[in-house]
Amino acid sequence: MEAKLGLITGGSRGLGRDMAIHLAKEGHDVILTYNSDQQNALATAEEVENLGQRAYIFQLDSRHVKGFDKFIAAVMKALEKDGRTQKIDFLINNAGTALYANFLDTTEEQIDEMFLIHYKAVFFLTQKLIPYLHDGGRIINISSGLARFSFPGSSGYASMKGAVEVLTRYLAKELGARKIAVNVVAPGAIETDFGGGRTRDDATINANIAAATALGRVGLPEDIGPVVAFLCSEGAGWINGQRIEVSGGMLL
């Protein structure tokens, strides 16, 4: 019996890497996409395979929707070559980039980029992968705590995440007939290289976030991966259309 298979966009480092590792720990194979960081993608794939699971890596620039068909064809060809079913069990829409700009300073070009990466890509990659998703599968969209609480400078980024949260509820409703559960995981501030690593590397920002968090620290990637893996488990099958914030109790 072949292992279940999860596709994680932006799986080369940070949160995506930790999601891949925790899926592998649960006995699942993974497909990882990366935009430009092939070296870290290969390293993550090696970690997955050291855990006894199969890892596939593919380059994908989520800004270019017209390339999605070619990407999916390459994925299915790789699965066929391995003699396995040309289907996936889990889709985790994780890929993204940061934008820090006050509302009055945000440009049309910045909003277009946020829309392409954080909303349009999620919408159409999911749409195109639905025929390849097993009935009873899972879709997990990664949002942000910033869709609930507000910090100046995050309006463009956070509003796209808010749109994804609305989309998630619609997907849960429309895909219910196929028993596909669709949920949001919304991390709080996490110590990664996201946004240039400022949450991790700026001591003042880090301390301020820790002070605003009930559990008294900034989040780590390993706080997020296990939650995603749980939502892919049999025990989480009745969770559907939900937003699960994983922030340690930030700004309660």
Protein backbone atom coordinates (compact mmCIF):
# COMPACT_ATOMS: atom_id res chain seq x y z
CA MET A 1 0.00 0.00 0.00
CA GLU A 2 1.54 3.29 -1.10
CA ALA A 3 1.98 6.11 1.38
CA LYS A 4 -0.32 9.08 1.27
CA LEU A 5 1.09 12.06 -0.58
CA GLY A 6 1.06 15.75 0.33
CA LEU A 7 1.93 18.67 -1.93
CA ILE A 8 3.41 21.67 -0.12
CA THR A 9 4.02 24.90 -2.01
CA GLY A 10 6.99 26.84 -0.73
CA GLY A 11 8.36 23.75 0.94
CA SER A 12 12.07 24.43 0.74
CA ARG A 13 12.56 26.23 4.07
CA GLY A 14 10.85 27.83 7.05
CA LEU A 15 7.31 26.74 7.73
CA GLY A 16 7.08 24.64 4.56
CA ARG A 17 10.17 22.66 5.49
CA ASP A 18 8.78 21.90 8.94
CA MET A 19 5.44 20.85 7.46
CA ALA A 20 7.23 18.45 5.13
CA ILE A 21 9.24 16.93 7.97
CA HIS A 22 6.18 16.42 10.17
CA LEU A 23 4.19 14.87 7.32
CA ALA A 24 7.10 12.50 6.76
CA LYS A 25 7.17 11.64 10.45
CA GLU A 26 3.53 10.59 10.08
CA GLY A 27 4.45 8.25 7.22
CA HIS A 28 3.48 10.46 4.30
CA ASP A 29 5.39 11.18 1.12
CA VAL A 30 5.73 14.80 0.01
CA ILE A 31 5.96 16.97 -3.07
CA LEU A 32 7.80 20.24 -2.42
CA THR A 33 7.83 23.33 -4.59
CA TYR A 34 10.40 26.10 -4.48
CA ASN A 35 10.74 29.31 -6.42
CA SER A 36 14.49 29.98 -6.47
CA ASP A 37 16.07 28.19 -3.51
CA GLN A 38 16.81 24.79 -5.00
CA GLN A 39 19.62 24.08 -2.52
CA ASN A 40 17.32 24.26 0.49
CA ALA A 41 14.64 22.31 -1.37
CA LEU A 42 17.13 19.50 -1.96
CA ALA A 43 18.17 19.61 1.70
CA THR A 44 14.55 19.37 2.84
CA ALA A 45 13.94 16.49 0.45
CA GLU A 46 16.97 14.72 1.91
CA GLU A 47 15.59 15.15 5.43
CA VAL A 48 12.27 13.67 4.33
CA GLU A 49 13.97 10.69 2.72
CA ASN A 50 16.13 10.16 5.80
CA LEU A 51 12.81 9.66 7.61
CA GLY A 52 12.00 6.85 5.19
CA GLN A 53 9.57 8.73 2.94
CA ARG A 54 9.69 9.72 -0.71
CA ALA A 55 10.24 13.37 -1.61
CA TYR A 56 9.72 15.05 -4.96
CA ILE A 57 10.83 18.62 -5.66
CA PHE A 58 9.67 20.97 -8.42
CA GLN A 59 10.36 24.58 -9.27
CA LEU A 60 7.20 26.68 -9.28
CA ASP A 61 6.79 30.44 -9.49
CA SER A 62 3.27 30.90 -8.19
CA ARG A 63 2.98 34.33 -9.83
CA HIS A 64 2.65 32.64 -13.22
CA VAL A 65 -0.70 30.84 -13.32
CA LYS A 66 -0.18 29.92 -16.97
CA GLY A 67 2.65 27.64 -15.85
CA PHE A 68 0.45 25.58 -13.52
CA ASP A 69 -0.65 23.07 -16.17
CA LYS A 70 2.97 22.33 -17.08
CA PHE A 71 3.84 21.96 -13.39
CA ILE A 72 0.99 19.54 -12.73
CA ALA A 73 1.88 17.51 -15.82
CA ALA A 74 5.47 17.20 -14.56
CA VAL A 75 4.25 16.09 -11.13
CA MET A 76 1.97 13.43 -12.58
CA LYS A 77 4.70 12.20 -14.92
CA ALA A 78 7.04 11.77 -11.93
CA LEU A 79 4.39 9.83 -10.02
CA GLU A 80 3.69 7.62 -13.03
CA LYS A 81 7.42 6.97 -13.42
CA ASP A 82 7.48 5.77 -9.81
CA GLY A 83 4.57 3.44 -10.53
CA ARG A 84 2.22 5.15 -8.16
CA THR A 85 -1.29 6.56 -8.39
CA GLN A 86 -1.44 9.94 -10.13
CA LYS A 87 -3.30 11.53 -7.23
CA ILE A 88 -2.44 13.49 -4.11
CA ASP A 89 -4.05 13.30 -0.68
CA PHE A 90 -3.15 16.68 0.80
CA LEU A 91 -2.67 20.12 -0.73
CA ILE A 92 -1.00 22.71 1.49
CA ASN A 93 -0.98 26.21 0.00
CA ASN A 94 1.94 27.71 1.88
CA ALA A 95 4.09 29.67 -0.61
CA GLY A 96 4.26 33.39 -0.01
CA THR A 97 6.31 36.53 0.35
CA ALA A 98 6.13 39.44 2.75
CA LEU A 99 5.17 43.05 2.18
CA TYR A 100 5.80 45.74 4.77
CA ALA A 101 4.38 49.06 3.57
CA ASN A 102 2.02 51.54 5.15
CA PHE A 103 -1.33 51.86 3.38
CA LEU A 104 -0.62 55.35 2.03
CA ASP A 105 2.74 54.22 0.62
CA THR A 106 1.61 50.93 -0.94
CA THR A 107 1.87 50.86 -4.73
CA GLU A 108 -0.36 49.28 -7.33
CA GLU A 109 2.54 47.02 -8.32
CA GLN A 110 2.91 45.76 -4.75
CA ILE A 111 -0.79 44.96 -4.49
CA ASP A 112 -0.70 43.18 -7.85
CA GLU A 113 2.18 41.04 -6.59
CA MET A 114 0.41 40.22 -3.32
CA PHE A 115 -2.73 39.30 -5.25
CA LEU A 116 -0.85 37.03 -7.63
CA ILE A 117 1.11 35.19 -4.94
CA HIS A 118 -1.29 35.04 -2.02
CA TYR A 119 -4.71 34.80 -3.64
CA LYS A 120 -4.78 34.14 -7.37
CA ALA A 121 -2.17 31.38 -7.11
CA VAL A 122 -4.05 29.68 -4.27
CA PHE A 123 -7.35 29.94 -6.14
CA PHE A 124 -6.18 28.55 -9.47
CA LEU A 125 -3.60 26.01 -8.31
CA THR A 126 -6.27 24.52 -6.06
CA GLN A 127 -8.80 24.60 -8.88
CA LYS A 128 -6.41 22.83 -11.26
CA LEU A 129 -5.40 20.21 -8.67
CA ILE A 130 -8.93 19.27 -7.59
CA PRO A 131 -9.21 16.53 -10.27
CA TYR A 132 -5.99 15.03 -8.89
CA LEU A 133 -7.03 15.13 -5.23
CA HIS A 134 -8.39 11.93 -3.71
CA ASP A 135 -11.93 11.98 -2.38
CA GLY A 136 -11.61 12.39 1.36
CA GLY A 137 -8.45 14.44 0.91
CA ARG A 138 -7.46 17.65 2.68
CA ILE A 139 -6.69 21.19 1.64
CA ILE A 140 -4.91 23.47 4.10
CA ASN A 141 -4.46 27.13 3.27
CA ILE A 142 -1.87 29.06 5.23
CA SER A 143 -3.08 32.45 6.37
CA SER A 144 -1.73 34.73 9.10
CA GLY A 145 -2.60 36.08 12.50
CA LEU A 146 -2.56 39.43 10.71
CA ALA A 147 -5.94 38.60 9.23
CA ARG A 148 -7.35 38.88 12.79
CA PHE A 149 -5.19 41.54 14.45
CA SER A 150 -3.76 44.61 12.75
CA PHE A 151 -0.27 46.07 12.59
CA PRO A 152 0.49 49.17 10.51
CA GLY A 153 2.37 48.20 7.37
CA SER A 154 0.63 44.89 6.71
CA SER A 155 -2.63 45.94 5.04
CA GLY A 156 -1.75 44.63 1.57
CA TYR A 157 -0.44 41.27 2.75
CA ALA A 158 -3.08 40.70 5.42
CA SER A 159 -6.05 41.58 3.21
CA MET A 160 -5.03 38.87 0.73
CA LYS A 161 -4.84 36.39 3.60
CA GLY A 162 -8.32 37.49 4.64
CA ALA A 163 -9.54 36.71 1.13
CA VAL A 164 -8.02 33.23 1.35
CA GLU A 165 -9.86 32.64 4.61
CA VAL A 166 -13.19 33.44 2.91
CA LEU A 167 -12.24 31.24 -0.05
CA THR A 168 -11.51 28.39 2.36
CA ARG A 169 -15.06 28.37 3.68
CA TYR A 170 -16.46 28.30 0.16
CA LEU A 171 -14.17 25.43 -0.80
CA ALA A 172 -15.24 23.49 2.28
CA LYS A 173 -18.86 23.91 1.22
CA GLU A 174 -18.41 23.15 -2.47
CA LEU A 175 -16.07 20.18 -2.02
CA GLY A 176 -18.07 18.60 0.81
CA ALA A 177 -19.75 16.14 -1.56
CA ARG A 178 -16.31 14.61 -2.17
CA LYS A 179 -15.55 14.53 1.58
CA ILE A 180 -12.62 16.89 1.10
CA ALA A 181 -12.02 18.93 4.25
CA VAL A 182 -10.63 22.44 3.77
CA ASN A 183 -9.17 24.48 6.61
CA VAL A 184 -6.98 27.48 7.37
CA VAL A 185 -3.90 27.48 9.58
CA ALA A 186 -3.04 31.03 10.63
CA PRO A 187 0.41 31.33 12.23
CA GLY A 188 1.28 34.23 14.45
CA ALA A 189 4.71 35.83 14.24
CA ILE A 190 7.32 33.14 13.57
CA GLU A 191 11.11 33.19 13.73
CA THR A 192 12.06 32.42 10.12
CA ASP A 193 13.75 34.27 7.25
CA PHE A 194 10.31 35.42 6.04
CA GLY A 195 10.32 39.13 5.32
CA GLY A 196 14.09 39.26 5.63
CA GLY A 197 14.00 37.53 9.01
CA ARG A 198 13.04 40.63 10.94
CA THR A 199 10.91 38.81 13.53
CA ARG A 200 13.83 36.47 14.16
CA ASP A 201 16.68 38.97 13.95
CA ASP A 202 15.33 42.27 15.29
CA ALA A 203 15.57 41.99 19.09
CA THR A 204 13.07 44.80 19.70
CA ILE A 205 10.43 43.34 17.41
CA ASN A 206 10.99 39.89 18.88
CA ALA A 207 10.63 41.16 22.45
CA ASN A 208 7.49 43.16 21.64
CA ILE A 209 5.83 40.14 20.07
CA ALA A 210 6.78 37.92 22.99
CA ALA A 211 5.29 40.47 25.40
CA ALA A 212 2.02 40.47 23.42
CA THR A 213 1.79 36.67 23.42
CA ALA A 214 0.15 34.78 26.27
CA LEU A 215 2.75 32.01 26.18
CA GLY A 216 5.53 34.59 26.36
CA ARG A 217 7.62 33.94 23.25
CA VAL A 218 7.71 34.25 19.48
CA GLY A 219 6.63 31.22 17.45
CA LEU A 220 8.98 28.74 15.84
CA PRO A 221 8.50 26.75 12.62
CA GLU A 222 8.15 23.57 14.65
CA ASP A 223 5.05 25.07 16.27
CA ILE A 224 3.27 24.99 12.90
CA GLY A 225 4.29 21.76 11.17
CA PRO A 226 2.66 19.45 13.73
CA VAL A 227 -0.67 21.29 13.41
CA VAL A 228 -0.65 20.88 9.64
CA ALA A 229 0.24 17.21 10.02
CA PHE A 230 -2.62 16.77 12.49
CA LEU A 231 -5.11 18.30 10.05
CA CYS A 232 -3.96 15.69 7.53
CA SER A 233 -4.59 12.86 9.99
CA GLU A 234 -7.58 10.55 10.20
CA GLY A 235 -8.44 12.02 13.59
CA ALA A 236 -8.95 15.49 12.10
CA GLY A 237 -11.42 14.43 9.44
CA TRP A 238 -14.39 16.17 11.06
CA ILE A 239 -12.64 19.56 11.19
CA ASN A 240 -13.84 21.48 8.15
CA GLY A 241 -14.14 25.11 7.10
CA GLN A 242 -12.26 26.29 10.18
CA ARG A 243 -9.61 28.89 10.87
CA ILE A 244 -7.06 27.58 13.36
CA GLU A 245 -4.74 30.27 14.66
CA VAL A 246 -1.41 28.98 15.92
CA SER A 247 0.04 32.02 17.64
CA GLY A 248 0.60 31.12 21.29
CA GLY A 249 -2.25 33.44 22.21
CA MET A 250 -1.02 36.61 20.52
CA LEU A 251 -3.02 39.78 21.19
CA LEU A 252 -5.88 38.02 22.95
